[in-house]
PDB file of N, CA and C in Angstrom:
ATOM      1  N   MET A   1       0.822  -1.074  -0.154  1.00  0.00           N
ATOM      2  CA  MET A   1      -0.147  -0.017  -0.146  1.00  0.00           C
ATOM      3  C   MET A   1       0.824   1.377   0.241  1.00  0.00           C
ATOM      4  N   ASN A   2       1.812   1.243   0.590  1.00  0.00           N
ATOM      5  CA  ASN A   2       2.677   2.467   0.625  1.00  0.00           C
ATOM      6  C   ASN A   2       3.424   2.927  -0.591  1.00  0.00           C
ATOM      7  N   ILE A   3       4.124   1.653  -1.623  1.00  0.00           N
ATOM      8  CA  ILE A   3       4.396   1.747  -2.661  1.00  0.00           C
ATOM      9  C   ILE A   3       3.217   2.789  -3.618  1.00  0.00           C
ATOM     10  N   ALA A   4       1.892   2.189  -3.364  1.00  0.00           N
ATOM     11  CA  ALA A   4       0.840   2.716  -4.223  1.00  0.00           C
ATOM     12  C   ALA A   4       0.705   4.275  -4.077  1.00  0.00           C
ATOM     13  N   PHE A   5       0.749   4.228  -2.880  1.00  0.00           N
ATOM     14  CA  PHE A   5       0.714   5.660  -2.217  1.00  0.00           C
ATOM     15  C   PHE A   5       1.853   6.752  -2.545  1.00  0.00           C
ATOM     16  N   ILE A   6       3.216   6.216  -2.840  1.00  0.00           N
ATOM     17  CA  ILE A   6       4.106   7.172  -3.012  1.00  0.00           C
ATOM     18  C   ILE A   6       4.078   7.251  -4.078  1.00  0.00           C
ATOM     19  N   LEU A   7       3.997   6.271  -5.375  1.00  0.00           N
ATOM     20  CA  LEU A   7       3.632   6.747  -6.661  1.00  0.00           C
ATOM     21  C   LEU A   7       2.410   7.393  -6.883  1.00  0.00           C
ATOM     22  N   LEU A   8       1.199   7.544  -6.247  1.00  0.00           N
ATOM     23  CA  LEU A   8       0.366   8.684  -5.988  1.00  0.00           C
ATOM     24  C   LEU A   8       0.680   9.858  -6.130  1.00  0.00           C
ATOM     25  N   VAL A   9       1.629  10.030  -5.194  1.00  0.00           N
ATOM     26  CA  VAL A   9       2.213  11.554  -4.550  1.00  0.00           C
ATOM     27  C   VAL A   9       3.483  11.961  -5.168  1.00  0.00           C
ATOM     28  N   LEU A  10       4.078  11.142  -6.222  1.00  0.00           N
ATOM     29  CA  LEU A  10       5.396  11.296  -7.206  1.00  0.00           C
ATOM     30  C   LEU A  10       4.228  11.960  -8.697  1.00  0.00           C
ATOM     31  N   LEU A  11       3.354  11.108  -8.933  1.00  0.00           N
ATOM     32  CA  LEU A  11       2.610  11.144 -10.335  1.00  0.00           C
ATOM     33  C   LEU A  11       1.835  12.641  -9.864  1.00  0.00           C
ATOM     34  N   HIS A  12       1.317  12.909  -8.954  1.00  0.00           N
ATOM     35  CA  HIS A  12       0.690  14.582  -8.719  1.00  0.00           C
ATOM     36  C   HIS A  12       1.386  15.432  -7.966  1.00  0.00           C
ATOM     37  N   GLY A  13       2.599  15.002  -7.610  1.00  0.00           N
ATOM     38  CA  GLY A  13       4.131  16.072  -8.010  1.00  0.00           C
ATOM     39  C   GLY A  13       4.451  16.622  -8.948  1.00  0.00           C
ATOM     40  N   LEU A  14       4.235  15.446  -9.919  1.00  0.00           N
ATOM     41  CA  LEU A  14       4.993  15.516 -11.415  1.00  0.00           C
ATOM     42  C   LEU A  14       4.151  16.681 -12.302  1.00  0.00           C
ATOM     43  N   ILE A  15       2.570  16.451 -12.356  1.00  0.00           N
ATOM     44  CA  ILE A  15       1.647  17.108 -12.389  1.00  0.00           C
ATOM     45  C   ILE A  15       1.771  18.553 -12.285  1.00  0.00           C
ATOM     46  N   HIS A  16       2.188  18.937 -11.139  1.00  0.00           N
ATOM     47  CA  HIS A  16       2.374  20.463 -10.603  1.00  0.00           C
ATOM     48  C   HIS A  16       3.888  21.311 -11.465  1.00  0.00           C
ATOM     49  N   ILE A  17       4.557  20.233 -12.181  1.00  0.00           N
ATOM     50  CA  ILE A  17       5.313  20.813 -13.003  1.00  0.00           C
ATOM     51  C   ILE A  17       5.044  21.714 -14.296  1.00  0.00           C
ATOM     52  N   LEU A  18       3.433  21.572 -14.615  1.00  0.00           N
ATOM     53  CA  LEU A  18       2.897  21.939 -15.744  1.00  0.00           C
ATOM     54  C   LEU A  18       2.593  22.839 -15.374  1.00  0.00           C
ATOM     55  N   GLY A  19       2.422  23.806 -14.244  1.00  0.00           N
ATOM     56  CA  GLY A  19       1.563  24.735 -13.893  1.00  0.00           C
ATOM     57  C   GLY A  19       3.059  25.885 -14.045  1.00  0.00           C
ATOM     58  N   PHE A  20       4.595  25.281 -13.595  1.00  0.00           N
ATOM     59  CA  PHE A  20       5.435  25.877 -13.234  1.00  0.00           C
ATOM     60  C   PHE A  20       6.306  26.289 -14.927  1.00  0.00           C
ATOM     61  N   VAL A  21       5.904  25.353 -15.947  1.00  0.00           N
ATOM     62  CA  VAL A  21       6.238  25.442 -17.040  1.00  0.00           C
ATOM     63  C   VAL A  21       5.622  26.592 -17.898  1.00  0.00           C
ATOM     64  N   LYS A  22       4.192  26.409 -17.388  1.00  0.00           N
ATOM     65  CA  LYS A  22       3.610  27.390 -18.591  1.00  0.00           C
ATOM     66  C   LYS A  22       3.524  28.795 -18.134  1.00  0.00           C
ATOM     67  N   ALA A  23       3.734  28.887 -16.323  1.00  0.00           N
ATOM     68  CA  ALA A  23       4.001  30.176 -15.550  1.00  0.00           C
ATOM     69  C   ALA A  23       4.783  30.929 -17.012  1.00  0.00           C
ATOM     70  N   PHE A  24       6.220  30.319 -17.216  1.00  0.00           N
ATOM     71  CA  PHE A  24       7.279  30.588 -17.387  1.00  0.00           C
ATOM     72  C   PHE A  24       7.754  30.742 -18.850  1.00  0.00           C
ATOM     73  N   GLY A  25       6.507  30.324 -19.375  1.00  0.00           N
ATOM     74  CA  GLY A  25       6.326  29.597 -20.654  1.00  0.00           C
ATOM     75  C   GLY A  25       7.730  28.881 -21.481  1.00  0.00           C
ATOM     76  N   LEU A  26       8.323  27.988 -20.480  1.00  0.00           N
ATOM     77  CA  LEU A  26       8.743  27.129 -21.296  1.00  0.00           C
ATOM     78  C   LEU A  26       8.532  25.862 -22.064  1.00  0.00           C
ATOM     79  N   ALA A  27       7.583  25.914 -22.014  1.00  0.00           N
ATOM     80  CA  ALA A  27       7.285  24.646 -23.232  1.00  0.00           C
ATOM     81  C   ALA A  27       5.201  24.874 -23.225  1.00  0.00           C
ATOM     82  N   GLU A  28       4.363  25.272 -24.477  1.00  0.00           N
ATOM     83  CA  GLU A  28       3.575  25.030 -24.506  1.00  0.00           C
ATOM     84  C   GLU A  28       2.538  23.627 -23.624  1.00  0.00           C
ATOM     85  N   VAL A  29       2.062  24.387 -23.108  1.00  0.00           N
ATOM     86  CA  VAL A  29       1.044  23.430 -22.167  1.00  0.00           C
ATOM     87  C   VAL A  29      -0.288  23.321 -22.374  1.00  0.00           C
ATOM     88  N   LYS A  30      -1.002  22.818 -23.453  1.00  0.00           N
ATOM     89  CA  LYS A  30      -2.086  23.059 -23.584  1.00  0.00           C
ATOM     90  C   LYS A  30      -3.339  22.537 -22.948  1.00  0.00           C
ATOM     91  N   GLN A  31      -3.182  21.817 -21.923  1.00  0.00           N
ATOM     92  CA  GLN A  31      -4.052  21.567 -20.761  1.00  0.00           C
ATOM     93  C   GLN A  31      -4.079  22.274 -20.034  1.00  0.00           C
ATOM     94  N   LEU A  32      -3.347  23.281 -19.958  1.00  0.00           N
ATOM     95  CA  LEU A  32      -3.821  24.949 -19.016  1.00  0.00           C
ATOM     96  C   LEU A  32      -4.193  25.712 -19.900  1.00  0.00           C
ATOM     97  N   THR A  33      -5.634  25.766 -19.672  1.00  0.00           N
ATOM     98  CA  THR A  33      -6.089  26.954 -20.630  1.00  0.00           C
ATOM     99  C   THR A  33      -5.939  28.609 -19.916  1.00  0.00           C
ATOM    100  N   VAL A  34      -5.886  28.652 -18.755  1.00  0.00           N
ATOM    101  CA  VAL A  34      -6.090  29.464 -17.795  1.00  0.00           C
ATOM    102  C   VAL A  34      -4.315  30.269 -17.343  1.00  0.00           C
ATOM    103  N   PRO A  35      -4.394  31.291 -17.929  1.00  0.00           N
ATOM    104  CA  PRO A  35      -3.212  31.978 -17.400  1.00  0.00           C
ATOM    105  C   PRO A  35      -2.537  31.538 -15.973  1.00  0.00           C
ATOM    106  N   ILE A  36      -1.013  31.742 -16.001  1.00  0.00           N
ATOM    107  CA  ILE A  36      -0.717  31.610 -14.618  1.00  0.00           C
ATOM    108  C   ILE A  36       0.712  32.659 -14.404  1.00  0.00           C
ATOM    109  N   PRO A  37       0.294  33.449 -13.647  1.00  0.00           N
ATOM    110  CA  PRO A  37       1.228  34.355 -12.863  1.00  0.00           C
ATOM    111  C   PRO A  37       2.982  33.479 -12.237  1.00  0.00           C
ATOM    112  N   LYS A  38       3.951  34.273 -12.449  1.00  0.00           N
ATOM    113  CA  LYS A  38       5.230  33.584 -12.348  1.00  0.00           C
ATOM    114  C   LYS A  38       5.147  33.355 -10.834  1.00  0.00           C
ATOM    115  N   ILE A  39       4.572  34.002 -10.168  1.00  0.00           N
ATOM    116  CA  ILE A  39       4.964  33.942  -8.624  1.00  0.00           C
ATOM    117  C   ILE A  39       3.758  32.705  -8.544  1.00  0.00           C
ATOM    118  N   LEU A  40       2.411  32.440  -8.968  1.00  0.00           N
ATOM    119  CA  LEU A  40       1.953  31.048  -8.975  1.00  0.00           C
ATOM    120  C   LEU A  40       2.984  29.905  -9.494  1.00  0.00           C
ATOM    121  N   GLY A  41       3.455  30.402 -10.667  1.00  0.00           N
ATOM    122  CA  GLY A  41       4.289  29.037 -10.919  1.00  0.00           C
ATOM    123  C   GLY A  41       5.653  28.619 -10.442  1.00  0.00           C
ATOM    124  N   ILE A  42       6.159  29.731  -9.335  1.00  0.00           N
ATOM    125  CA  ILE A  42       6.938  29.456  -8.073  1.00  0.00           C
ATOM    126  C   ILE A  42       6.628  28.250  -7.409  1.00  0.00           C
ATOM    127  N   LEU A  43       5.028  28.846  -6.821  1.00  0.00           N
ATOM    128  CA  LEU A  43       4.557  27.982  -5.929  1.00  0.00           C
ATOM    129  C   LEU A  43       3.965  26.829  -6.718  1.00  0.00           C
ATOM    130  N   TRP A  44       3.867  26.542  -8.038  1.00  0.00           N
ATOM    131  CA  TRP A  44       3.056  24.870  -8.636  1.00  0.00           C
ATOM    132  C   TRP A  44       4.748  24.426  -8.297  1.00  0.00           C
ATOM    133  N   LEU A  45       6.126  25.060  -8.662  1.00  0.00           N
ATOM    134  CA  LEU A  45       7.132  24.462  -8.258  1.00  0.00           C
ATOM    135  C   LEU A  45       7.522  23.777  -7.147  1.00  0.00           C
ATOM    136  N   ILE A  46       7.439  24.743  -6.205  1.00  0.00           N
ATOM    137  CA  ILE A  46       7.330  24.138  -4.899  1.00  0.00           C
ATOM    138  C   ILE A  46       6.459  23.178  -4.388  1.00  0.00           C
ATOM    139  N   ALA A  47       5.386  23.229  -5.021  1.00  0.00           N
ATOM    140  CA  ALA A  47       4.162  22.042  -4.837  1.00  0.00           C
ATOM    141  C   ALA A  47       4.912  20.669  -4.982  1.00  0.00           C
ATOM    142  N   PHE A  48       5.790  20.765  -6.158  1.00  0.00           N
ATOM    143  CA  PHE A  48       6.505  19.741  -7.006  1.00  0.00           C
ATOM    144  C   PHE A  48       7.505  19.211  -5.514  1.00  0.00           C
ATOM    145  N   LEU A  49       8.007  20.026  -5.557  1.00  0.00           N
ATOM    146  CA  LEU A  49       9.483  19.579  -4.746  1.00  0.00           C
ATOM    147  C   LEU A  49       8.857  19.159  -3.261  1.00  0.00           C
ATOM    148  N   LEU A  50       7.618  19.656  -3.003  1.00  0.00           N
ATOM    149  CA  LEU A  50       7.232  18.777  -1.440  1.00  0.00           C
ATOM    150  C   LEU A  50       6.667  17.648  -1.874  1.00  0.00           C
ATOM    151  N   SER A  51       6.099  17.641  -2.899  1.00  0.00           N
ATOM    152  CA  SER A  51       5.526  16.028  -3.358  1.00  0.00           C
ATOM    153  C   SER A  51       7.030  15.336  -2.937  1.00  0.00           C
ATOM    154  N   VAL A  52       7.953  15.566  -3.943  1.00  0.00           N
ATOM    155  CA  VAL A  52       8.684  14.482  -4.007  1.00  0.00           C
ATOM    156  C   VAL A  52       9.659  14.479  -2.749  1.00  0.00           C
ATOM    157  N   ALA A  53       9.460  15.486  -1.721  1.00  0.00           N
ATOM    158  CA  ALA A  53      10.181  15.380  -0.333  1.00  0.00           C
ATOM    159  C   ALA A  53       9.116  14.339   0.471  1.00  0.00           C
ATOM    160  N   LEU A  54       7.881  14.803   0.091  1.00  0.00           N
ATOM    161  CA  LEU A  54       6.697  13.520   0.929  1.00  0.00           C
ATOM    162  C   LEU A  54       7.326  12.504   0.587  1.00  0.00           C
ATOM    163  N   ALA A  55       7.343  12.444  -1.283  1.00  0.00           N
ATOM    164  CA  ALA A  55       7.414  10.371  -0.724  1.00  0.00           C
ATOM    165  C   ALA A  55       8.984  10.138  -0.401  1.00  0.00           C
ATOM    166  N   VAL A  56       9.648  10.679  -0.922  1.00  0.00           N
ATOM    167  CA  VAL A  56      11.211  10.009   0.245  1.00  0.00           C
ATOM    168  C   VAL A  56      11.011  10.020   1.683  1.00  0.00           C
ATOM    169  N   ALA A  57      10.539  10.990   1.897  1.00  0.00           N
ATOM    170  CA  ALA A  57      10.120  10.849   4.014  1.00  0.00           C
ATOM    171  C   ALA A  57       8.944   9.478   3.784  1.00  0.00           C
ATOM    172  N   ILE A  58       8.039   9.459   3.280  1.00  0.00           N
ATOM    173  CA  ILE A  58       6.959   7.812   3.474  1.00  0.00           C
ATOM    174  C   ILE A  58       8.047   6.519   3.344  1.00  0.00           C
ATOM    175  N   ALA A  59       9.236   6.828   1.827  1.00  0.00           N
ATOM    176  CA  ALA A  59       9.904   5.830   1.926  1.00  0.00           C
ATOM    177  C   ALA A  59      10.800   5.747   2.691  1.00  0.00           C
ATOM    178  N   LEU A  60      11.723   6.737   3.331  1.00  0.00           N
ATOM    179  CA  LEU A  60      12.569   6.442   4.352  1.00  0.00           C
ATOM    180  C   LEU A  60      11.886   5.804   6.159  1.00  0.00           C
ATOM    181  N   GLY A  61      10.486   6.383   6.332  1.00  0.00           N
ATOM    182  CA  GLY A  61      10.032   5.599   7.308  1.00  0.00           C
ATOM    183  C   GLY A  61       9.880   6.953   8.346  1.00  0.00           C
ATOM    184  N   PHE A  62      10.139   8.640   7.521  1.00  0.00           N
ATOM    185  CA  PHE A  62      10.026   9.314   8.663  1.00  0.00           C
ATOM    186  C   PHE A  62       9.138   9.572   9.372  1.00  0.00           C
ATOM    187  N   LEU A  63       8.881   9.234  10.521  1.00  0.00           N
ATOM    188  CA  LEU A  63       7.676   9.121  11.845  1.00  0.00           C
ATOM    189  C   LEU A  63       6.901  10.237  11.738  1.00  0.00           C
ATOM    190  N   TYR A  64       7.047  12.039  11.064  1.00  0.00           N
ATOM    191  CA  TYR A  64       6.060  13.120  10.913  1.00  0.00           C
ATOM    192  C   TYR A  64       5.606  12.997   9.415  1.00  0.00           C
ATOM    193  N   TRP A  65       5.914  12.291   8.594  1.00  0.00           N
ATOM    194  CA  TRP A  65       5.635  12.185   7.611  1.00  0.00           C
ATOM    195  C   TRP A  65       4.133  13.236   6.666  1.00  0.00           C
ATOM    196  N   TRP A  66       3.196  12.731   7.826  1.00  0.00           N
ATOM    197  CA  TRP A  66       1.760  12.832   7.893  1.00  0.00           C
ATOM    198  C   TRP A  66       1.983  14.632   7.807  1.00  0.00           C
ATOM    199  N   ALA A  67       2.547  15.213   8.592  1.00  0.00           N
ATOM    200  CA  ALA A  67       2.496  16.810   8.602  1.00  0.00           C
ATOM    201  C   ALA A  67       2.756  17.271   7.207  1.00  0.00           C
ATOM    202  N   LEU A  68       3.956  16.607   6.730  1.00  0.00           N
ATOM    203  CA  LEU A  68       4.534  17.264   5.160  1.00  0.00           C
ATOM    204  C   LEU A  68       3.077  16.963   4.651  1.00  0.00           C
ATOM    205  N   ALA A  69       2.696  15.581   4.188  1.00  0.00           N
ATOM    206  CA  ALA A  69       1.497  15.410   3.780  1.00  0.00           C
ATOM    207  C   ALA A  69       0.080  15.988   3.592  1.00  0.00           C
ATOM    208  N   LEU A  70      -0.292  16.471   5.088  1.00  0.00           N
ATOM    209  CA  LEU A  70      -1.276  17.379   4.956  1.00  0.00           C
ATOM    210  C   LEU A  70      -0.341  19.006   4.342  1.00  0.00           C
ATOM    211  N   LEU A  71       0.384  19.145   4.761  1.00  0.00           N
ATOM    212  CA  LEU A  71       1.077  20.732   3.567  1.00  0.00           C
ATOM    213  C   LEU A  71       1.076  20.783   2.632  1.00  0.00           C
ATOM    214  N   VAL A  72       1.706  19.098   1.883  1.00  0.00           N
ATOM    215  CA  VAL A  72       1.199  18.987   0.019  1.00  0.00           C
ATOM    216  C   VAL A  72      -0.159  18.976  -0.084  1.00  0.00           C
ATOM    217  N   ALA A  73      -1.080  18.570   0.541  1.00  0.00           N
ATOM    218  CA  ALA A  73      -2.517  18.590   0.086  1.00  0.00           C
ATOM    219  C   ALA A  73      -2.889  20.116   0.215  1.00  0.00           C
ATOM    220  N   THR A  74      -2.476  20.879   0.870  1.00  0.00           N
ATOM    221  CA  THR A  74      -2.989  22.427   1.314  1.00  0.00           C
ATOM    222  C   THR A  74      -2.648  22.997   0.525  1.00  0.00           C
ATOM    223  N   VAL A  75      -1.305  23.036   0.409  1.00  0.00           N
ATOM    224  CA  VAL A  75       0.186  24.086  -1.071  1.00  0.00           C
ATOM    225  C   VAL A  75      -1.140  23.401  -2.416  1.00  0.00           C
ATOM    226  N   SER A  76      -0.991  21.899  -2.829  1.00  0.00           N
ATOM    227  CA  SER A  76      -1.694  21.776  -3.631  1.00  0.00           C
ATOM    228  C   SER A  76      -2.916  22.407  -4.074  1.00  0.00           C
ATOM    229  N   GLN A  77      -4.198  22.422  -3.037  1.00  0.00           N
ATOM    230  CA  GLN A  77      -5.489  22.859  -3.311  1.00  0.00           C
ATOM    231  C   GLN A  77      -5.299  24.020  -3.526  1.00  0.00           C
ATOM    232  N   VAL A  78      -4.715  24.941  -2.860  1.00  0.00           N
ATOM    233  CA  VAL A  78      -4.804  26.031  -3.004  1.00  0.00           C
ATOM    234  C   VAL A  78      -4.581  26.758  -4.432  1.00  0.00           C
ATOM    235  N   LEU A  79      -3.527  25.816  -4.776  1.00  0.00           N
ATOM    236  CA  LEU A  79      -3.247  26.415  -6.413  1.00  0.00           C
ATOM    237  C   LEU A  79      -4.044  26.131  -7.428  1.00  0.00           C
ATOM    238  N   ILE A  80      -4.586  24.532  -6.873  1.00  0.00           N
ATOM    239  CA  ILE A  80      -5.857  24.092  -8.039  1.00  0.00           C
ATOM    240  C   ILE A  80      -7.059  25.168  -8.335  1.00  0.00           C
ATOM    241  N   PHE A  81      -7.302  25.322  -6.512  1.00  0.00           N
ATOM    242  CA  PHE A  81      -8.168  26.586  -6.537  1.00  0.00           C
ATOM    243  C   PHE A  81      -8.033  27.912  -7.768  1.00  0.00           C
ATOM    244  N   SER A  82      -6.572  27.884  -7.654  1.00  0.00           N
ATOM    245  CA  SER A  82      -6.864  29.125  -8.748  1.00  0.00           C
ATOM    246  C   SER A  82      -6.531  28.790  -9.969  1.00  0.00           C
ATOM    247  N   SER A  83      -6.344  27.790 -10.498  1.00  0.00           N
ATOM    248  CA  SER A  83      -6.778  27.376 -12.113  1.00  0.00           C
ATOM    249  C   SER A  83      -7.421  26.296 -11.950  1.00  0.00           C
ATOM    250  N   TRP A  84      -8.481  26.104 -11.254  1.00  0.00           N
ATOM    251  CA  TRP A  84      -9.858  25.054 -10.950  1.00  0.00           C
ATOM    252  C   TRP A  84     -10.616  24.571 -12.213  1.00  0.00           C
ATOM    253  N   ARG A  85     -10.805  25.703 -13.359  1.00  0.00           N
ATOM    254  CA  ARG A  85     -10.940  24.877 -14.641  1.00  0.00           C
ATOM    255  C   ARG A  85     -10.057  23.949 -15.027  1.00  0.00           C
ATOM    256  N   ASP A  86      -9.135  24.157 -15.285  1.00  0.00           N
ATOM    257  CA  ASP A  86      -7.917  23.292 -15.637  1.00  0.00           C
ATOM    258  C   ASP A  86      -7.939  22.346 -14.988  1.00  0.00           C
ATOM    259  N   ALA A  87      -7.309  22.177 -13.716  1.00  0.00           N
ATOM    260  CA  ALA A  87      -6.958  21.572 -12.451  1.00  0.00           C
ATOM    261  C   ALA A  87      -7.939  20.880 -11.518  1.00  0.00           C
ATOM    262  N   LYS A  88      -8.910  20.846 -11.388  1.00  0.00           N
ATOM    263  CA  LYS A  88     -10.078  20.666 -10.543  1.00  0.00           C
ATOM    264  C   LYS A  88      -9.947  18.655  -9.909  1.00  0.00           C
ATOM    265  N   TYR A  89      -9.353  18.371 -10.999  1.00  0.00           N
ATOM    266  CA  TYR A  89      -9.312  16.888 -11.322  1.00  0.00           C
ATOM    267  C   TYR A  89      -7.896  16.365 -10.070  1.00  0.00           C
ATOM    268  N   GLY A  90      -7.226  17.314  -9.761  1.00  0.00           N
ATOM    269  CA  GLY A  90      -6.079  17.275  -8.909  1.00  0.00           C
ATOM    270  C   GLY A  90      -6.677  16.928  -7.551  1.00  0.00           C
ATOM    271  N   SER A  91      -7.771  17.936  -7.527  1.00  0.00           N
ATOM    272  CA  SER A  91      -8.405  17.657  -5.822  1.00  0.00           C
ATOM    273  C   SER A  91      -8.832  16.640  -5.114  1.00  0.00           C
ATOM    274  N   VAL A  92      -9.038  15.240  -6.274  1.00  0.00           N
ATOM    275  CA  VAL A  92      -8.940  14.197  -5.863  1.00  0.00           C
ATOM    276  C   VAL A  92      -8.002  13.474  -5.593  1.00  0.00           C
ATOM    277  N   ALA A  93      -7.026  13.518  -5.773  1.00  0.00           N
ATOM    278  CA  ALA A  93      -5.289  13.050  -5.369  1.00  0.00           C
ATOM    279  C   ALA A  93      -5.154  13.816  -3.886  1.00  0.00           C
ATOM    280  N   ASN A  94      -5.440  14.932  -3.607  1.00  0.00           N
ATOM    281  CA  ASN A  94      -5.180  15.702  -2.699  1.00  0.00           C
ATOM    282  C   ASN A  94      -6.025  15.234  -1.601  1.00  0.00           C
ATOM    283  N   GLY A  95      -7.414  15.264  -2.072  1.00  0.00           N
ATOM    284  CA  GLY A  95      -8.087  13.951  -0.705  1.00  0.00           C
ATOM    285  C   GLY A  95      -7.641  12.986  -0.494  1.00  0.00           C
ATOM    286  N   ILE A  96      -7.124  12.184  -1.300  1.00  0.00           N
ATOM    287  CA  ILE A  96      -6.534  10.905  -0.648  1.00  0.00           C
ATOM    288  C   ILE A  96      -5.684  11.143  -0.328  1.00  0.00           C
ATOM    289  N   ILE A  97      -4.396  12.110  -0.340  1.00  0.00           N
ATOM    290  CA  ILE A  97      -3.127  12.423   0.716  1.00  0.00           C
ATOM    291  C   ILE A  97      -3.748  12.716   1.440  1.00  0.00           C
ATOM    292  N   LEU A  98      -4.643  13.956   2.280  1.00  0.00           N
ATOM    293  CA  LEU A  98      -5.318  14.444   3.061  1.00  0.00           C
ATOM    294  C   LEU A  98      -6.086  13.564   4.009  1.00  0.00           C
ATOM    295  N   VAL A  99      -6.825  12.048   3.357  1.00  0.00           N
ATOM    296  CA  VAL A  99      -7.191  11.265   4.410  1.00  0.00           C
ATOM    297  C   VAL A  99      -6.521  10.063   4.924  1.00  0.00           C
ATOM    298  N   VAL A 100      -5.359  10.222   3.929  1.00  0.00           N
ATOM    299  CA  VAL A 100      -4.343   8.909   4.474  1.00  0.00           C
ATOM    300  C   VAL A 100      -3.418   9.564   5.995  1.00  0.00           C
ATOM    301  N   GLY A 101      -3.140  11.321   5.271  1.00  0.00           N
ATOM    302  CA  GLY A 101      -2.626  11.871   6.257  1.00  0.00           C
ATOM    303  C   GLY A 101      -3.259  12.148   7.627  1.00  0.00           C
ATOM    304  N   VAL A 102      -4.757  11.943   7.839  1.00  0.00           N
ATOM    305  CA  VAL A 102      -5.357  12.192   9.166  1.00  0.00           C
ATOM    306  C   VAL A 102      -5.456  10.541   9.296  1.00  0.00           C
ATOM    307  N   LEU A 103      -5.476   9.434   8.777  1.00  0.00           N
ATOM    308  CA  LEU A 103      -5.115   8.367   9.018  1.00  0.00           C
ATOM    309  C   LEU A 103      -4.104   8.202  10.160  1.00  0.00           C
ATOM    310  N   VAL A 104      -2.813   8.187   9.041  1.00  0.00           N
ATOM    311  CA  VAL A 104      -1.718   8.266  10.139  1.00  0.00           C
ATOM    312  C   VAL A 104      -1.570   8.657  11.078  1.00  0.00           C
ATOM    313  N   VAL A 105      -2.293   9.950  11.322  1.00  0.00           N
ATOM    314  CA  VAL A 105      -2.463  10.964  12.900  1.00  0.00           C
ATOM    315  C   VAL A 105      -3.226   9.977  13.577  1.00  0.00           C
ATOM    316  N   SER A 106      -4.509   9.438  13.399  1.00  0.00           N
ATOM    317  CA  SER A 106      -5.185   8.907  13.894  1.00  0.00           C
ATOM    318  C   SER A 106      -5.098   7.288  14.619  1.00  0.00           C
ATOM    319  N   GLY A 107      -3.921   7.288  13.936  1.00  0.00           N
ATOM    320  CA  GLY A 107      -3.305   5.560  13.816  1.00  0.00           C
ATOM    321  C   GLY A 107      -3.893   4.673  13.803  1.00  0.00           C
ATOM    322  N   LYS A 108      -4.737   4.972  12.354  1.00  0.00           N
ATOM    323  CA  LYS A 108      -5.667   4.023  12.005  1.00  0.00           C
ATOM    324  C   LYS A 108      -4.492   3.284  10.468  1.00  0.00           C
ATOM    325  N   TRP A 109      -4.028   3.956  10.368  1.00  0.00           N
ATOM    326  CA  TRP A 109      -2.838   3.852   9.322  1.00  0.00           C
ATOM    327  C   TRP A 109      -1.954   2.807   9.675  1.00  0.00           C
TER     328      TRP A 109
END
């Protein structure tokens, strides 16, 4: 189960790169039709980096990885709200990350 969750976190994180690429015009991103300001592009990159850090923390068995999971889900969801029309389905991944984080905190994971 941990491997599947790690893969979900990494895939979700990789998708955040699209917001960074779009904001800085590094490539054409047809999937994102809403303009992304550069400051938000930096936050999309940070969301990616936090997701990678979360995957590493889980893989290495860090005790408080759940706190990072809550941060990742929160930052990501704020960004998704800023590009809702294009990114709304990322809320599903954020919901899963949030639920797993809460389950870990409650001792049920």
